[in-house]
Protein backbone atom coordinates (compact mmCIF):
# COMPACT_ATOMS: atom_id res chain seq x y z
CA MET A 1 38.88 1.09 -20.76
CA PRO A 2 36.80 3.88 -18.47
CA GLN A 3 33.60 1.55 -20.58
CA ALA A 4 34.70 -1.29 -19.10
CA ARG A 5 34.71 -0.65 -15.54
CA LEU A 6 32.40 0.82 -15.40
CA CYS A 7 30.66 -2.40 -17.39
CA SER A 8 32.23 -4.22 -14.63
CA CYS A 9 31.74 -1.68 -11.86
CA ARG A 10 28.00 -2.21 -12.74
CA GLY A 11 27.96 -6.14 -12.69
CA GLY A 12 29.71 -6.49 -9.71
CA ARG A 13 26.92 -4.41 -7.85
CA VAL A 14 23.86 -6.49 -9.68
CA LEU A 15 25.15 -9.72 -8.81
CA PRO A 16 24.91 -9.73 -5.63
CA LEU A 17 21.86 -7.19 -5.52
CA LEU A 18 19.97 -10.63 -8.13
CA LEU A 19 21.35 -12.75 -5.52
CA ALA A 20 20.40 -11.37 -2.75
CA TYR A 21 16.63 -10.45 -4.48
CA VAL A 22 16.03 -14.57 -4.98
CA CYS A 23 17.57 -15.03 -1.49
CA TYR A 24 14.34 -12.50 -0.16
CA LEU A 25 12.04 -14.41 -2.97
CA LEU A 26 13.13 -17.96 -1.50
CA LEU A 27 12.97 -17.39 2.29
CA GLY A 28 9.42 -15.49 1.53
CA ALA A 29 7.96 -19.22 0.02
CA THR A 30 9.52 -21.11 2.65
CA VAL A 31 7.71 -18.81 5.18
CA PHE A 32 4.63 -19.00 3.37
CA GLN A 33 4.13 -22.41 3.13
CA LEU A 34 5.55 -23.14 6.28
CA LEU A 35 2.72 -21.38 7.87
CA GLU A 36 0.12 -21.60 5.38
CA LYS A 37 0.58 -24.25 3.78
CA GLN A 38 -1.59 -27.06 6.97
CA ALA A 39 -4.13 -24.42 7.31
CA GLU A 40 -5.07 -25.03 3.44
CA ALA A 41 -5.18 -29.09 4.12
CA GLN A 42 -7.46 -28.81 6.86
CA SER A 43 -9.86 -26.00 4.96
CA ARG A 44 -9.95 -28.58 2.18
CA ASP A 45 -11.16 -31.46 4.95
CA GLN A 46 -13.25 -29.10 6.60
CA PHE A 47 -14.65 -28.35 2.99
CA GLN A 48 -14.86 -31.85 1.96
CA PHE A 49 -16.32 -33.03 5.49
CA GLU A 50 -19.23 -30.49 5.17
CA LYS A 51 -20.16 -31.59 1.44
CA LEU A 52 -20.32 -34.78 2.69
CA ARG A 53 -22.71 -33.74 5.82
CA PHE A 54 -25.03 -31.65 3.89
CA LEU A 55 -24.95 -35.11 1.20
CA GLU A 56 -26.18 -36.79 4.57
CA ASN A 57 -29.28 -34.22 4.99
CA TYR A 58 -30.01 -33.88 1.76
CA THR A 59 -30.49 -37.92 -0.12
CA CYS A 60 -32.29 -36.57 -2.30
CA LEU A 61 -29.01 -35.47 -3.58
CA ASP A 62 -25.68 -36.98 -5.80
CA GLN A 63 -22.22 -36.18 -5.32
CA ARG A 64 -22.39 -35.41 -9.52
CA ALA A 65 -25.43 -33.10 -8.53
CA LEU A 66 -24.17 -30.90 -5.72
CA GLU A 67 -20.51 -30.99 -7.71
CA GLN A 68 -22.51 -28.61 -10.80
CA PHE A 69 -24.01 -26.90 -7.93
CA VAL A 70 -20.89 -25.63 -6.23
CA GLN A 71 -19.50 -24.66 -10.08
CA VAL A 72 -22.38 -22.35 -11.00
CA ILE A 73 -21.13 -20.77 -7.18
CA MET A 74 -17.60 -20.18 -8.28
CA GLU A 75 -18.47 -18.39 -11.82
CA ALA A 76 -21.19 -16.37 -9.26
CA TRP A 77 -18.01 -14.93 -6.86
CA VAL A 78 -15.92 -14.93 -10.07
CA LYS A 79 -17.78 -12.59 -11.67
CA GLY A 80 -18.16 -10.84 -8.40
CA VAL A 81 -21.79 -11.93 -7.24
CA ASN A 82 -21.43 -12.79 -3.36
CA PRO A 83 -22.99 -16.64 -3.30
CA LYS A 84 -24.64 -14.98 0.34
CA GLY A 85 -28.33 -13.98 0.34
CA ASN A 86 -30.53 -13.53 -1.99
CA SER A 87 -31.10 -11.30 -5.76
CA THR A 88 -31.67 -7.99 -3.88
CA ASN A 89 -28.31 -7.73 -2.67
CA PRO A 90 -26.85 -4.53 -3.39
CA SER A 91 -25.62 -3.68 -6.92
CA ASN A 92 -21.53 -4.01 -7.93
CA TRP A 93 -21.53 -1.31 -9.90
CA ASP A 94 -23.61 1.14 -8.79
CA PHE A 95 -21.67 4.44 -8.93
CA GLY A 96 -20.51 3.97 -6.11
CA SER A 97 -19.31 0.75 -6.47
CA SER A 98 -18.08 1.96 -10.08
CA PHE A 99 -16.01 4.45 -8.99
CA PHE A 100 -14.48 2.13 -6.35
CA PHE A 101 -13.32 -0.30 -8.81
CA ALA A 102 -12.24 3.09 -10.74
CA GLY A 103 -9.60 3.35 -8.44
CA THR A 104 -8.27 0.13 -8.05
CA VAL A 105 -7.81 0.08 -11.46
CA VAL A 106 -5.34 2.61 -11.36
CA THR A 107 -3.69 2.38 -8.13
CA THR A 108 -3.13 -0.63 -9.97
CA ILE A 109 -4.77 -2.35 -6.69
CA GLY A 110 -6.99 -4.69 -7.91
CA TYR A 111 -8.53 -6.28 -5.19
CA GLY A 112 -9.50 -9.50 -8.36
CA ASN A 113 -12.81 -9.69 -6.89
CA LEU A 114 -14.18 -7.88 -8.87
CA ALA A 115 -13.94 -7.45 -13.19
CA PRO A 116 -15.73 -7.03 -16.43
CA SER A 117 -17.63 -9.65 -17.63
CA THR A 118 -18.45 -7.50 -20.64
CA GLU A 119 -16.97 -7.78 -23.92
CA ALA A 120 -16.96 -4.32 -23.96
CA GLY A 121 -16.27 -4.01 -20.48
CA GLN A 122 -13.39 -5.00 -21.12
CA VAL A 123 -11.96 -3.60 -23.75
CA PHE A 124 -13.02 -0.13 -22.64
CA CYS A 125 -10.72 -1.65 -18.99
CA VAL A 126 -7.91 -2.24 -21.39
CA PHE A 127 -7.50 1.48 -22.50
CA TYR A 128 -8.82 2.99 -18.99
CA ALA A 129 -5.84 2.05 -17.63
CA LEU A 130 -3.70 2.80 -20.51
CA VAL A 131 -4.64 5.85 -19.48
CA GLY A 132 -5.03 5.68 -15.87
CA ILE A 133 -0.81 4.26 -14.92
CA PRO A 134 -0.17 6.69 -16.42
CA LEU A 135 -2.27 9.70 -14.48
CA ASN A 136 -1.92 8.35 -12.07
CA ALA A 137 2.38 8.34 -11.80
CA ILE A 138 1.87 11.48 -12.60
CA PHE A 139 -0.17 12.92 -10.17
CA LEU A 140 1.68 11.46 -7.20
CA ASN A 141 5.23 12.52 -8.59
CA HIS A 142 4.62 16.20 -9.06
CA LEU A 143 2.57 15.64 -5.06
CA GLY A 144 6.74 14.45 -4.89
CA ALA A 145 8.26 17.50 -6.29
CA GLY A 146 5.79 20.25 -4.90
CA LEU A 147 6.73 18.99 -1.36
CA HIS A 148 10.14 19.41 -2.58
CA ALA A 149 9.68 22.81 -3.68
CA HIS A 150 7.63 23.50 -0.74
CA LEU A 151 10.66 22.06 1.84
CA ALA A 152 13.78 24.31 0.38
CA THR A 153 14.01 26.32 2.87
CA LEU A 154 15.38 22.28 4.25
CA GLU A 155 18.16 23.23 1.15
CA ARG A 156 19.66 25.99 4.15
CA TRP A 157 19.11 24.53 7.33
CA GLU A 158 22.62 24.82 8.32
CA GLU A 159 23.08 28.61 7.82
CA GLN A 160 19.54 28.73 10.40
CA PRO A 161 19.51 29.54 14.41
CA ARG A 162 19.68 26.38 16.84
CA ARG A 163 16.24 26.95 17.79
CA SER A 164 14.39 27.24 14.29
CA GLN A 165 16.18 23.38 13.15
CA LEU A 166 14.17 22.20 15.88
CA LEU A 167 11.19 24.12 15.03
CA GLN A 168 11.53 22.31 11.90
CA ILE A 169 11.94 18.57 13.16
CA LEU A 170 9.27 18.86 15.49
CA GLY A 171 7.11 20.56 12.66
CA LEU A 172 8.14 16.89 10.93
CA ALA A 173 7.32 14.80 13.19
CA LEU A 174 4.21 16.05 13.91
CA PHE A 175 3.39 16.33 10.32
CA LEU A 176 4.05 12.43 9.69
CA THR A 177 2.42 12.16 13.15
CA LEU A 178 -1.47 13.49 12.20
CA GLY A 179 -0.95 11.98 9.09
CA THR A 180 -0.12 8.68 9.65
CA LEU A 181 -3.34 8.83 12.03
CA VAL A 182 -5.36 10.28 9.75
CA ILE A 183 -4.43 7.66 7.28
CA LEU A 184 -3.51 4.83 8.10
CA ILE A 185 -4.45 4.23 11.76
CA CYS A 186 -7.76 5.73 12.38
CA PRO A 187 -9.06 4.28 8.71
CA PRO A 188 -8.75 1.07 9.76
CA MET A 189 -10.77 0.94 13.00
CA VAL A 190 -13.73 2.37 11.21
CA PHE A 191 -13.33 0.01 9.11
CA SER A 192 -13.08 -2.30 11.34
CA HIS A 193 -16.77 -1.26 13.03
CA VAL A 194 -18.63 -1.20 9.48
CA GLU A 195 -16.89 -4.04 8.17
CA GLY A 196 -17.61 -6.17 11.67
CA TRP A 197 -13.52 -6.35 11.69
CA SER A 198 -10.85 -6.66 13.91
CA PHE A 199 -8.87 -3.88 14.36
CA GLY A 200 -5.83 -6.01 13.07
CA GLU A 201 -7.42 -7.53 10.33
CA GLY A 202 -8.37 -3.42 9.71
CA PHE A 203 -4.87 -2.26 9.08
CA TYR A 204 -4.08 -5.92 6.83
CA PHE A 205 -6.72 -4.63 4.77
CA ALA A 206 -5.64 -0.82 4.85
CA PHE A 207 -1.15 -2.09 4.21
CA ILE A 208 -2.51 -4.24 1.55
CA THR A 209 -4.20 -1.34 -0.08
CA LEU A 210 -2.08 1.14 0.56
CA SER A 211 0.42 -1.48 -0.86
CA THR A 212 -1.46 -1.54 -4.44
CA ILE A 213 -0.85 -5.65 -3.47
CA GLY A 214 -5.16 -6.03 -3.43
CA PHE A 215 -4.98 -9.48 -2.61
CA GLY A 216 -8.78 -9.65 -2.44
CA ASP A 217 -9.47 -11.57 0.99
CA TYR A 218 -11.01 -8.29 2.19
CA VAL A 219 -12.21 -6.03 0.58
CA VAL A 220 -14.87 -2.90 1.86
CA GLY A 221 -18.81 -2.95 1.59
CA THR A 222 -19.16 -7.28 -0.22
CA ASP A 223 -20.91 -8.25 2.71
CA PRO A 224 -24.77 -8.72 1.94
CA SER A 225 -25.82 -8.68 5.29
CA LYS A 226 -24.45 -5.19 6.11
CA HIS A 227 -25.74 -2.28 4.90
CA TYR A 228 -24.15 0.23 3.70
CA ILE A 229 -24.03 3.75 3.02
CA SER A 230 -24.76 4.99 -0.17
CA VAL A 231 -21.32 6.58 -0.53
CA TYR A 232 -19.15 4.03 1.78
CA ARG A 233 -16.86 2.70 -1.22
CA SER A 234 -16.86 5.66 -3.07
CA LEU A 235 -15.02 7.25 -0.27
CA ALA A 236 -12.34 4.04 0.27
CA ALA A 237 -11.59 5.06 -2.49
CA ILE A 238 -10.78 8.90 -1.61
CA TRP A 239 -9.20 6.74 1.00
CA ILE A 240 -7.09 4.45 -1.82
CA LEU A 241 -5.74 8.00 -3.84
CA LEU A 242 -5.14 10.29 -0.74
CA GLY A 243 -3.08 7.37 0.96
CA LEU A 244 -1.24 6.41 -1.57
CA ALA A 245 -0.99 10.21 -2.44
CA TRP A 246 0.38 10.57 1.23
CA LEU A 247 3.07 7.39 0.96
CA ALA A 248 4.53 9.47 -2.46
CA LEU A 249 5.48 12.58 0.21
CA ILE A 250 6.23 11.16 3.70
CA LEU A 251 8.66 8.54 1.36
CA PRO A 252 11.34 11.45 0.70
CA LEU A 253 10.54 12.90 4.43
CA GLY A 254 10.77 10.14 6.39
CA PRO A 255 15.12 10.39 5.07
CA LEU A 256 14.61 13.64 5.47
CA LEU A 257 13.38 13.95 9.17
CA LEU A 258 16.47 10.98 10.38
CA HIS A 259 19.07 12.83 8.27
CA ARG A 260 17.97 16.35 10.58
CA CYS A 261 17.48 14.45 13.70
CA SER A 262 21.44 12.90 13.25
CA GLN A 263 22.04 16.31 12.68
CA LEU A 264 20.89 18.42 15.42
CA TRP A 265 22.06 15.23 17.63
CA LEU A 266 25.86 16.66 16.95
CA LEU A 267 25.04 19.81 17.14
CA SER A 268 23.96 19.10 20.36
CA ARG A 269 26.68 17.78 21.13
CA GLY A 270 28.96 20.66 19.61
CA LEU A 271 30.26 18.82 16.87
CA SER A 272 31.28 19.94 13.87
CA LEU A 273 28.49 18.49 10.84
CA LYS A 274 30.77 17.78 8.38
CA ASP A 275 34.19 17.06 9.73
CA GLY A 276 33.77 16.41 13.67
CA GLY A 277 35.68 19.74 14.56
CA ALA A 278 35.44 21.55 17.72
CA PRO A 279 32.08 24.05 17.27
CA GLU A 280 32.18 27.78 16.44
CA MET A 281 32.56 30.11 19.05
CA ASP A 282 28.91 30.89 18.84
CA GLY A 283 28.08 27.32 19.37
CA LEU A 284 26.71 26.48 15.74
CA PRO A 285 29.19 25.36 12.76
CA ARG A 286 29.43 27.80 9.91
CA PRO A 287 29.53 25.70 6.48
CA GLN A 288 33.07 26.30 5.09
CA LYS A 289 34.06 27.06 1.37
CA ILE A 290 35.20 25.09 -0.57
CA PRO A 291 37.69 27.17 -3.46
CA ILE A 292 36.92 24.43 -6.19
CA SER A 293 40.42 24.66 -9.07
CA ALA A 294 39.75 25.40 -12.65
C-alpha cells in the first residue's frame, strides 16, 4: 500500500510537469515561428535576387556553374573555412583555436562552426569528449561543494548578532555583484569592441555560450578581416571555463541570499523566524530546542 501511494504521488507530480514542459515547448515554437519565419523568407528572397543579379553582371556564367560554386562555398564553411578572405587567413587549428575548440567540447557548448574533418580527428573527439565531459562536471560539482564548505557558518546564521547577519548579506550581495560584473558584463563589452558587435550582441553571445546552448551564429575570433592577438581565443576559452564555474557557484547563492534577506526583514519587524511570534526581550529570537519523542 505505501508503495502504491508513493507511485501514485509521483505520477500525480510527473503528469502536470510533463504537461507544463510540453506547453512551454509549444509556446517557444509558436513565438520563434512568429518572430523568425518572415525574416528567413526575406533573407531567402534577398539571396536569390543577389544570385540573379550576379548572373546578369557576369554573363559568362550560367545557373549551374553558380550553384556548383555555392556548393563549394557551403562545403568549405562546413569544414570551418571562412569563404571571406584568402589563403593567408589565420588557421582554425592553431594552438589557441584548438584550445578554444577543446573547451567547447568538454563544456558541451558545440558552436557548430568548426568540427574535425579527418577520421582520426573525429575518433579522437569522441573519446576526448567521453572523458572530458564527466571531468568538467566533476570539476564544477567540486566547486559547488567547496562553496558550501566555505559557507558552513551560515548554518548558524540565526545565532549570530544582527550586525553580523547584515554584514554577511552585504558580503554575499557584493560577491554576486562583482562576479556578475566580471563574468557577464565586462566580457561582452570586450567582445563587442574586438568583434565589432553591439553590446546586445555581445551579451547574447555570452549568455548563449555560458548556458552551453552554443548556436554558432556568433563566435569570437572568426572574422578574417580582423587581426586578433594569438591568445585571444585561448583567453575566451578560459573565460568560458571561469564563467561556468561562476554559475556553478552562484546557483546556490541566489536563493540563499533571498532567504537571508527575508529573514533579516522579519527580524527588523520584530517577528520570529519560525512562527511570526513576538520577539524576545533582547530583540532577537532564540532558536528553540524541540524534544524528539522516542
